[in-house]
């Protein structure tokens, strides 16, 4: 792949707005096109000036998918993804338009652009290679991260390039774990490095402590607010609640219901389709804002978005419950720097509609990450044994330190920033 290049348009030495262009054999292949939310602004990828020959979407999370419809403003191309990823992405794209309208903002794309993305989308299955350009062949493998998430293997001439997107090597409750061993020979690997500085705690111990905190809160007459991402995390939390049981009503608020319906729509992409069906049949979904008050009439468990406390129904519950020390707020996902969730963990304070408050409710974060920890990142590198490794999607300090450590182990590693181009 001599003289072929990889240009970082987002998620270089940062987390958010993933966007990368591989230039090979005079063809340009885009991998992901996401956005990054900060308290000050929404950060978009560095503009792409080259004509695209193909686009690949690894999974639906907004930091990877959120800007895809904008391609159809001025750079239309075929979009290769899995069918679940497309359905989940459409849900998020439509929601972003709705939020923009509510807040009086001008969206970056329209319903017509979302329709164009869907029209140009090619739904792929795992382990079924497809020619996506004149010279490039794409094959997806299960990334184990969320429903439909994919590791992308691009074969060009006699070289192979793999982009991990976000991936989870070991199995988690609804997913079997990343299918790394099926990929085969790899020359170039572009890998996320979110947790390049640490390993995750034992999952079973996390679940034990999580359930203990829920029961402790309910026993003292409080409400448990569980902030969870609509896609993946909410379904895992609900699976845990089903298995271990709680003596209180469980409510689900936000987009988690729609996401769970899509999980049910694609049973072959999750490892517990019968449990997902049970979720839809037995859970109390908050389908109208007026129902929210009913959730607070007795001690209850409320699984709600947004996972980083950046808007969404969770803000209603925090407004109503933050002043009562019997209640608990349980954070279940990564809190990006600058988000309200991160600020709350660091300062003990959060900005609500009523102003800056210091909640009396108990606040605790649990590590239910669906990203590979440091040990599994290294195991993946050793399994694929690339000639050249490119680290992306990681905090600057973490990815930098991880780069030096891997170089010390004998790997050829690049750690580009946004706007940088790597020669392969």
Protein backbone atom coordinates (compact mmCIF):
# COMPACT_ATOMS: atom_id res chain seq x y z
CA UNK A 1 0.00 0.00 0.00
CA UNK A 2 2.96 2.25 -0.75
CA UNK A 3 2.09 5.97 -1.06
CA UNK A 4 -1.41 5.32 0.22
CA UNK A 5 -2.53 7.74 2.90
CA UNK A 6 -4.91 8.04 5.82
CA UNK A 7 -6.22 11.52 6.67
CA UNK A 8 -7.78 12.20 10.08
CA UNK A 9 -10.82 14.50 9.85
CA UNK A 10 -11.89 13.84 13.47
CA UNK A 11 -11.13 11.65 16.54
CA UNK A 12 -7.37 12.09 16.32
CA UNK A 13 -6.00 12.49 19.85
CA UNK A 14 -9.60 13.09 20.96
CA UNK A 15 -12.87 11.22 21.45
CA UNK A 16 -15.74 12.31 19.25
CA UNK A 17 -16.46 13.26 15.58
CA UNK A 18 -14.80 10.11 14.19
CA UNK A 19 -13.96 10.68 10.53
CA UNK A 20 -11.13 9.23 8.43
CA UNK A 21 -10.38 9.11 4.70
CA UNK A 22 -8.26 6.33 3.22
CA UNK A 23 -6.74 7.26 -0.13
CA UNK A 24 -5.67 4.18 -2.08
CA UNK A 25 -5.26 3.61 -5.81
CA UNK A 26 -6.57 7.16 -6.37
CA UNK A 27 -9.81 6.29 -4.58
CA UNK A 28 -11.09 7.96 -1.40
CA UNK A 29 -12.91 5.86 1.17
CA UNK A 30 -14.52 7.58 4.16
CA UNK A 31 -14.79 5.72 7.46
CA UNK A 32 -17.41 7.23 9.81
CA UNK A 33 -18.62 10.82 9.93
CA UNK A 34 -19.61 11.80 13.46
CA UNK A 35 -20.02 14.87 15.64
CA UNK A 36 -18.68 15.87 19.04
CA UNK A 37 -20.83 17.68 21.57
CA UNK A 38 -19.20 20.10 23.97
CA UNK A 39 -20.84 22.62 26.33
CA UNK A 40 -19.73 25.45 24.03
CA UNK A 41 -20.52 24.02 20.60
CA UNK A 42 -21.06 21.04 18.36
CA UNK A 43 -17.74 20.11 16.73
CA UNK A 44 -17.89 18.69 13.23
CA UNK A 45 -15.18 16.86 11.27
CA UNK A 46 -12.64 18.82 9.25
CA UNK A 47 -14.35 19.37 5.87
CA UNK A 48 -13.68 16.80 3.17
CA UNK A 49 -12.66 18.48 -0.09
CA UNK A 50 -11.94 15.31 -2.06
CA UNK A 51 -14.65 13.47 -3.99
CA UNK A 52 -15.54 10.28 -2.14
CA UNK A 53 -15.72 6.91 -3.88
CA UNK A 54 -17.35 5.12 -0.92
CA UNK A 55 -18.30 5.67 2.73
CA UNK A 56 -18.32 3.13 5.55
CA UNK A 57 -20.28 3.51 8.80
CA UNK A 58 -18.99 1.29 11.60
CA UNK A 59 -21.90 1.74 14.03
CA UNK A 60 -24.71 4.07 15.01
CA UNK A 61 -23.38 6.01 18.01
CA UNK A 62 -23.62 9.71 17.20
CA UNK A 63 -19.89 10.41 17.51
CA UNK A 64 -19.50 8.06 14.51
CA UNK A 65 -22.76 8.50 12.58
CA UNK A 66 -24.08 11.95 13.46
CA UNK A 67 -22.83 13.89 10.42
CA UNK A 68 -23.42 11.23 7.75
CA UNK A 69 -26.55 12.88 6.25
CA UNK A 70 -24.43 15.98 5.60
CA UNK A 71 -22.54 13.98 2.97
CA UNK A 72 -25.66 14.20 0.85
CA UNK A 73 -25.56 17.99 0.90
CA UNK A 74 -22.54 18.14 -1.40
CA UNK A 75 -20.55 14.86 -1.48
CA UNK A 76 -22.96 11.99 -2.16
CA UNK A 77 -21.63 8.44 -2.28
CA UNK A 78 -22.67 4.88 -1.50
CA UNK A 79 -22.84 4.21 2.24
CA UNK A 80 -21.83 0.72 3.36
CA UNK A 81 -23.05 -0.39 6.77
CA UNK A 82 -25.08 -3.12 8.47
CA UNK A 83 -28.87 -2.94 8.40
CA UNK A 84 -29.20 -2.52 12.21
CA UNK A 85 -26.70 0.34 12.12
CA UNK A 86 -28.73 2.10 9.45
CA UNK A 87 -31.99 1.75 11.41
CA UNK A 88 -30.42 2.95 14.66
CA UNK A 89 -28.71 5.84 12.86
CA UNK A 90 -31.95 6.96 11.22
CA UNK A 91 -33.51 7.08 14.69
CA UNK A 92 -30.71 9.33 15.96
CA UNK A 93 -30.67 11.54 12.86
CA UNK A 94 -34.41 12.17 13.14
CA UNK A 95 -34.02 12.97 16.83
CA UNK A 96 -31.27 15.48 16.09
CA UNK A 97 -33.61 17.36 13.72
CA UNK A 98 -36.29 17.34 16.39
CA UNK A 99 -33.92 18.75 19.02
CA UNK A 100 -32.65 21.42 16.61
CA UNK A 101 -36.25 22.51 15.93
CA UNK A 102 -37.05 22.64 19.67
CA UNK A 103 -33.98 24.76 20.36
CA UNK A 104 -34.48 27.05 17.36
CA UNK A 105 -31.20 26.02 15.75
CA UNK A 106 -30.45 25.44 12.08
CA UNK A 107 -29.63 21.76 11.59
CA UNK A 108 -26.63 20.63 9.53
CA UNK A 109 -28.91 18.57 7.29
CA UNK A 110 -32.57 18.04 6.46
CA UNK A 111 -35.06 15.20 6.22
CA UNK A 112 -34.25 15.04 2.51
CA UNK A 113 -30.57 14.43 3.29
CA UNK A 114 -31.49 11.65 5.72
CA UNK A 115 -33.65 10.11 2.98
CA UNK A 116 -30.72 10.39 0.55
CA UNK A 117 -28.44 8.61 3.04
CA UNK A 118 -30.97 5.80 3.30
CA UNK A 119 -31.36 5.60 -0.49
CA UNK A 120 -27.59 5.36 -0.95
CA UNK A 121 -27.08 2.86 1.88
CA UNK A 122 -26.00 -0.70 1.12
CA UNK A 123 -26.87 -3.09 3.97
CA UNK A 124 -24.12 -5.66 4.51
CA UNK A 125 -23.89 -8.81 6.60
CA UNK A 126 -20.93 -9.97 8.65
CA UNK A 127 -18.33 -12.09 6.83
CA UNK A 128 -19.83 -11.39 3.38
CA UNK A 129 -17.26 -9.46 1.27
CA UNK A 130 -18.55 -6.77 -1.10
CA UNK A 131 -16.69 -4.79 -3.78
CA UNK A 132 -17.25 -1.15 -2.79
CA UNK A 133 -15.08 0.58 -5.41
CA UNK A 134 -13.17 -0.46 -8.52
CA UNK A 135 -10.19 -1.54 -6.39
CA UNK A 136 -11.49 -2.05 -2.84
CA UNK A 137 -13.31 -4.96 -1.26
CA UNK A 138 -14.97 -4.56 2.15
CA UNK A 139 -15.77 -7.27 4.68
CA UNK A 140 -17.50 -6.66 8.02
CA UNK A 141 -16.91 -8.60 11.23
CA UNK A 142 -18.87 -8.31 14.47
CA UNK A 143 -17.29 -5.60 16.67
CA UNK A 144 -19.18 -6.69 19.83
CA UNK A 145 -19.86 -3.04 20.78
CA UNK A 146 -23.57 -2.47 20.07
CA UNK A 147 -26.18 -3.89 17.72
CA UNK A 148 -24.78 -4.07 14.19
CA UNK A 149 -21.36 -2.62 15.05
CA UNK A 150 -18.67 -3.72 12.64
CA UNK A 151 -14.93 -4.10 12.27
CA UNK A 152 -14.13 -3.07 8.68
CA UNK A 153 -11.57 -5.01 6.63
CA UNK A 154 -10.69 -3.24 3.37
CA UNK A 155 -8.68 -5.29 0.86
CA UNK A 156 -6.92 -3.38 -1.91
CA UNK A 157 -4.65 -5.28 -4.33
CA UNK A 158 -2.55 -7.49 -2.02
CA UNK A 159 -2.85 -5.31 1.10
CA UNK A 160 -5.42 -5.24 3.90
CA UNK A 161 -6.48 -2.30 6.07
CA UNK A 162 -8.66 -2.81 9.17
CA UNK A 163 -10.62 -0.09 10.97
CA UNK A 164 -12.00 -1.22 14.31
CA UNK A 165 -14.53 1.55 14.98
CA UNK A 166 -15.49 1.01 18.63
CA UNK A 167 -15.12 -2.61 19.66
CA UNK A 168 -15.41 -4.88 22.67
CA UNK A 169 -13.25 -8.01 22.55
CA UNK A 170 -14.82 -10.07 25.37
CA UNK A 171 -18.53 -10.95 25.36
CA UNK A 172 -20.97 -8.71 27.23
CA UNK A 173 -24.57 -9.47 28.10
CA UNK A 174 -26.25 -9.01 24.71
CA UNK A 175 -23.23 -9.40 22.44
CA UNK A 176 -20.72 -12.15 21.73
CA UNK A 177 -17.59 -10.02 21.61
CA UNK A 178 -15.52 -8.82 18.66
CA UNK A 179 -14.83 -11.40 15.96
CA UNK A 180 -11.15 -10.45 15.67
CA UNK A 181 -9.86 -13.98 15.08
CA UNK A 182 -11.83 -14.34 11.83
CA UNK A 183 -10.20 -11.32 10.18
CA UNK A 184 -7.01 -13.04 9.06
CA UNK A 185 -3.98 -11.26 7.62
CA UNK A 186 -3.74 -7.52 8.36
CA UNK A 187 -1.16 -5.07 7.03
CA UNK A 188 -2.55 -1.86 8.50
CA UNK A 189 -4.72 -1.46 11.59
CA UNK A 190 -6.51 1.72 12.68
CA UNK A 191 -7.69 1.06 16.22
CA UNK A 192 -9.58 2.98 18.88
CA UNK A 193 -7.59 3.71 22.06
CA UNK A 194 -10.30 4.98 24.42
CA UNK A 195 -9.05 2.85 27.32
CA UNK A 196 -5.40 2.65 26.35
CA UNK A 197 -4.49 3.53 29.94
CA UNK A 198 -6.40 0.97 31.97
CA UNK A 199 -8.24 -2.30 32.18
CA UNK A 200 -11.88 -2.56 33.14
CA UNK A 201 -12.88 -3.95 36.55
CA UNK A 202 -14.39 -7.42 36.76
CA UNK A 203 -17.84 -7.15 35.15
CA UNK A 204 -19.56 -9.47 37.61
CA UNK A 205 -18.30 -7.42 40.57
CA UNK A 206 -19.55 -4.23 38.87
CA UNK A 207 -22.98 -5.84 38.45
CA UNK A 208 -23.00 -7.00 42.09
CA UNK A 209 -22.14 -3.50 43.37
CA UNK A 210 -24.64 -1.91 40.96
CA UNK A 211 -27.53 -4.08 42.16
CA UNK A 212 -26.53 -3.56 45.79
CA UNK A 213 -26.73 0.23 45.32
CA UNK A 214 -30.15 -0.06 43.66
CA UNK A 215 -31.56 -2.19 46.50
CA UNK A 216 -29.99 0.07 49.15
CA UNK A 217 -31.67 3.10 47.57
CA UNK A 218 -35.07 1.40 47.28
CA UNK A 219 -34.83 0.15 50.88
CA UNK A 220 -34.52 3.72 52.15
CA UNK A 221 -37.55 4.79 50.10
CA UNK A 222 -35.65 6.50 47.30
CA UNK A 223 -35.78 6.55 43.52
CA UNK A 224 -32.94 5.19 41.38
CA UNK A 225 -32.21 7.20 38.23
CA UNK A 226 -29.96 5.23 35.85
CA UNK A 227 -28.46 7.42 33.13
CA UNK A 228 -27.74 5.17 30.14
CA UNK A 229 -27.09 5.47 26.43
CA UNK A 230 -30.21 4.56 24.46
CA UNK A 231 -28.35 2.09 22.25
CA UNK A 232 -26.61 -0.84 23.89
CA UNK A 233 -26.22 0.35 27.46
CA UNK A 234 -29.94 0.63 28.23
CA UNK A 235 -30.57 -2.89 26.94
CA UNK A 236 -27.70 -4.30 29.00
CA UNK A 237 -28.94 -2.56 32.16
CA UNK A 238 -32.48 -3.89 31.57
CA UNK A 239 -31.11 -7.40 31.08
CA UNK A 240 -29.33 -7.11 34.45
CA UNK A 241 -32.50 -5.86 36.15
CA UNK A 242 -34.45 -8.79 34.67
CA UNK A 243 -31.91 -11.34 35.84
CA UNK A 244 -31.42 -10.05 39.37
CA UNK A 245 -34.87 -8.56 39.98
CA UNK A 246 -35.92 -5.49 41.97
CA UNK A 247 -38.87 -5.02 44.28
CA UNK A 248 -40.08 -1.84 42.61
CA UNK A 249 -41.49 -0.73 39.28
CA UNK A 250 -38.94 -0.25 36.48
CA UNK A 251 -39.57 2.58 34.00
CA UNK A 252 -37.77 3.25 30.71
CA UNK A 253 -37.66 6.80 29.34
CA UNK A 254 -36.15 8.38 26.23
CA UNK A 255 -35.15 6.73 22.97
CA UNK A 256 -34.36 3.42 24.66
CA UNK A 257 -37.76 2.00 23.70
CA UNK A 258 -37.25 2.65 19.98
CA UNK A 259 -33.71 1.28 20.21
CA UNK A 260 -34.98 -1.85 21.97
CA UNK A 261 -37.55 -2.32 19.20
CA UNK A 262 -34.70 -2.23 16.67
CA UNK A 263 -32.79 -4.78 18.77
CA UNK A 264 -35.91 -6.95 18.51
CA UNK A 265 -36.14 -6.33 14.75
CA UNK A 266 -32.67 -7.88 14.23
CA UNK A 267 -32.51 -10.90 16.56
CA UNK A 268 -29.54 -12.42 14.72
CA UNK A 269 -27.38 -9.46 15.78
CA UNK A 270 -27.77 -9.93 19.55
CA UNK A 271 -27.22 -12.95 21.76
CA UNK A 272 -30.46 -12.73 23.78
CA UNK A 273 -33.39 -12.12 21.40
CA UNK A 274 -35.93 -13.69 23.79
CA UNK A 275 -34.87 -11.37 26.61
CA UNK A 276 -35.21 -8.36 24.27
CA UNK A 277 -38.73 -9.46 23.38
CA UNK A 278 -39.52 -9.75 27.11
CA UNK A 279 -38.29 -6.18 27.62
CA UNK A 280 -40.81 -4.88 25.11
CA UNK A 281 -43.64 -6.94 26.59
CA UNK A 282 -43.10 -6.34 30.31
CA UNK A 283 -41.38 -3.01 30.91
CA UNK A 284 -43.07 0.29 31.73
CA UNK A 285 -42.15 2.64 28.90
CA UNK A 286 -42.67 6.35 29.39
CA UNK A 287 -44.35 7.10 26.07
CA UNK A 288 -45.60 10.57 26.98
CA UNK A 289 -44.11 13.34 29.16
CA UNK A 290 -47.26 13.29 31.31
CA UNK A 291 -46.41 9.78 32.49
CA UNK A 292 -43.16 10.99 34.06
CA UNK A 293 -44.94 12.27 37.16
CA UNK A 294 -46.40 8.80 37.73
CA UNK A 295 -42.90 7.32 37.95
CA UNK A 296 -42.28 9.39 41.08
CA UNK A 297 -45.34 8.34 43.10
CA UNK A 298 -43.50 5.45 44.77
CA UNK A 299 -39.90 4.22 44.99
CA UNK A 300 -38.88 3.18 41.49
CA UNK A 301 -36.03 2.46 39.09
CA UNK A 302 -35.88 4.77 36.06
CA UNK A 303 -33.59 3.93 33.13
CA UNK A 304 -33.31 7.05 31.03
CA UNK A 305 -31.27 9.04 28.53
CA UNK A 306 -29.03 10.96 28.12
CA UNK A 307 -26.06 8.93 29.32
CA UNK A 308 -23.80 11.96 29.88
CA UNK A 309 -26.59 14.20 31.29
CA UNK A 310 -26.48 16.42 28.20
CA UNK A 311 -30.23 17.02 28.00
CA UNK A 312 -32.93 14.39 27.54
CA UNK A 313 -35.49 13.08 30.05
CA UNK A 314 -32.82 12.53 32.73
CA UNK A 315 -32.85 16.29 33.36
CA UNK A 316 -36.52 16.14 34.41
CA UNK A 317 -35.74 13.48 37.00
CA UNK A 318 -32.66 15.29 38.31
CA UNK A 319 -34.69 18.48 38.68
CA UNK A 320 -37.33 16.63 40.74
CA UNK A 321 -35.09 14.30 42.75
CA UNK A 322 -31.66 15.92 43.29
CA UNK A 323 -32.49 17.52 46.65
CA UNK A 324 -33.46 14.26 48.41
CA UNK A 325 -30.55 12.26 49.83
CA UNK A 326 -32.62 9.06 49.72
CA UNK A 327 -32.39 9.08 45.91
CA UNK A 328 -29.51 7.89 43.73
CA UNK A 329 -28.16 8.79 40.31
CA UNK A 330 -26.17 5.96 38.72
CA UNK A 331 -24.01 6.81 35.70
CA UNK A 332 -23.29 3.79 33.51
CA UNK A 333 -21.18 5.17 30.65
CA UNK A 334 -18.07 7.10 29.78
CA UNK A 335 -18.41 10.80 30.61
CA UNK A 336 -16.63 12.86 27.96
CA UNK A 337 -14.62 15.82 29.24
CA UNK A 338 -16.75 18.95 29.52
CA UNK A 339 -20.12 17.16 29.60
CA UNK A 340 -22.50 17.74 32.50
CA UNK A 341 -21.92 14.18 33.67
CA UNK A 342 -18.15 14.67 33.82
CA UNK A 343 -18.48 18.06 35.53
CA UNK A 344 -20.84 16.54 38.11
CA UNK A 345 -18.36 13.77 38.91
CA UNK A 346 -15.47 16.24 39.18
CA UNK A 347 -17.18 19.09 41.06
CA UNK A 348 -20.30 17.60 42.65
CA UNK A 349 -22.38 20.29 40.89
CA UNK A 350 -24.64 20.35 37.85
CA UNK A 351 -26.43 23.03 35.84
CA UNK A 352 -30.21 22.48 35.86
CA UNK A 353 -33.02 24.72 34.64
CA UNK A 354 -33.15 26.27 38.10
CA UNK A 355 -29.42 27.08 37.99
CA UNK A 356 -26.24 25.51 39.35
CA UNK A 357 -27.05 23.01 42.10
CA UNK A 358 -25.13 20.65 44.36
CA UNK A 359 -27.29 17.50 44.45
CA UNK A 360 -27.92 15.79 47.77
CA UNK A 361 -28.87 12.56 46.02
CA UNK A 362 -26.18 9.89 45.97
CA UNK A 363 -24.12 9.88 42.75
CA UNK A 364 -22.03 6.96 41.58
CA UNK A 365 -20.50 5.85 38.29
CA UNK A 366 -20.29 2.19 37.27
CA UNK A 367 -17.98 0.91 34.54
CA UNK A 368 -20.23 -0.89 32.06
CA UNK A 369 -18.03 0.09 29.14
CA UNK A 370 -18.51 -1.58 25.75
CA UNK A 371 -14.99 -0.52 24.69
CA UNK A 372 -12.04 -2.88 24.97
CA UNK A 373 -9.78 -2.24 27.95
CA UNK A 374 -6.02 -1.90 27.62
CA UNK A 375 -5.38 -5.64 27.99
CA UNK A 376 -7.82 -6.47 25.18
CA UNK A 377 -6.47 -3.69 22.95
CA UNK A 378 -3.00 -5.22 23.25
CA UNK A 379 -4.39 -8.71 22.68
CA UNK A 380 -6.09 -7.48 19.49
CA UNK A 381 -2.85 -5.95 18.19
CA UNK A 382 -0.97 -9.17 18.93
CA UNK A 383 -3.67 -11.26 17.22
CA UNK A 384 -3.77 -9.14 14.05
CA UNK A 385 -0.03 -8.33 14.07
CA UNK A 386 -0.18 -5.32 11.72
CA UNK A 387 2.82 -3.91 9.92
CA UNK A 388 1.64 -0.40 10.86
CA UNK A 389 -0.74 0.52 13.70
CA UNK A 390 -2.61 3.83 13.79
CA UNK A 391 -4.18 4.81 17.13
CA UNK A 392 -7.26 7.04 17.04
CA UNK A 393 -10.37 7.77 19.21
CA UNK A 394 -8.50 8.38 22.45
CA UNK A 395 -7.75 11.23 24.82
CA UNK A 396 -4.51 12.94 23.74
CA UNK A 397 -2.58 12.08 26.88
CA UNK A 398 -3.86 8.49 27.03
CA UNK A 399 -3.27 7.70 23.35
CA UNK A 400 0.16 9.36 23.47
CA UNK A 401 1.33 7.32 26.45
CA UNK A 402 -0.14 4.14 24.93
CA UNK A 403 1.69 4.87 21.65
CA UNK A 404 5.06 5.07 23.43
CA UNK A 405 4.34 1.89 25.36
CA UNK A 406 3.46 -0.01 22.18
CA UNK A 407 6.57 1.29 20.41
CA UNK A 408 8.55 -0.05 23.33
CA UNK A 409 6.98 -3.45 22.62
CA UNK A 410 8.29 -3.28 19.05
CA UNK A 411 5.21 -2.11 17.14
CA UNK A 412 5.28 0.55 14.41
CA UNK A 413 2.70 3.03 15.74
CA UNK A 414 1.31 6.37 14.57
CA UNK A 415 -0.86 8.62 16.73
CA UNK A 416 -2.14 11.37 14.40
CA UNK A 417 -4.11 14.42 15.43
CA UNK A 418 -7.07 16.00 13.65
CA UNK A 419 -5.97 17.28 10.26
CA UNK A 420 -2.94 15.00 10.07
CA UNK A 421 -2.21 12.62 7.22
CA UNK A 422 -0.41 9.32 7.79
CA UNK A 423 1.54 7.65 4.99
CA UNK A 424 0.99 3.90 4.93
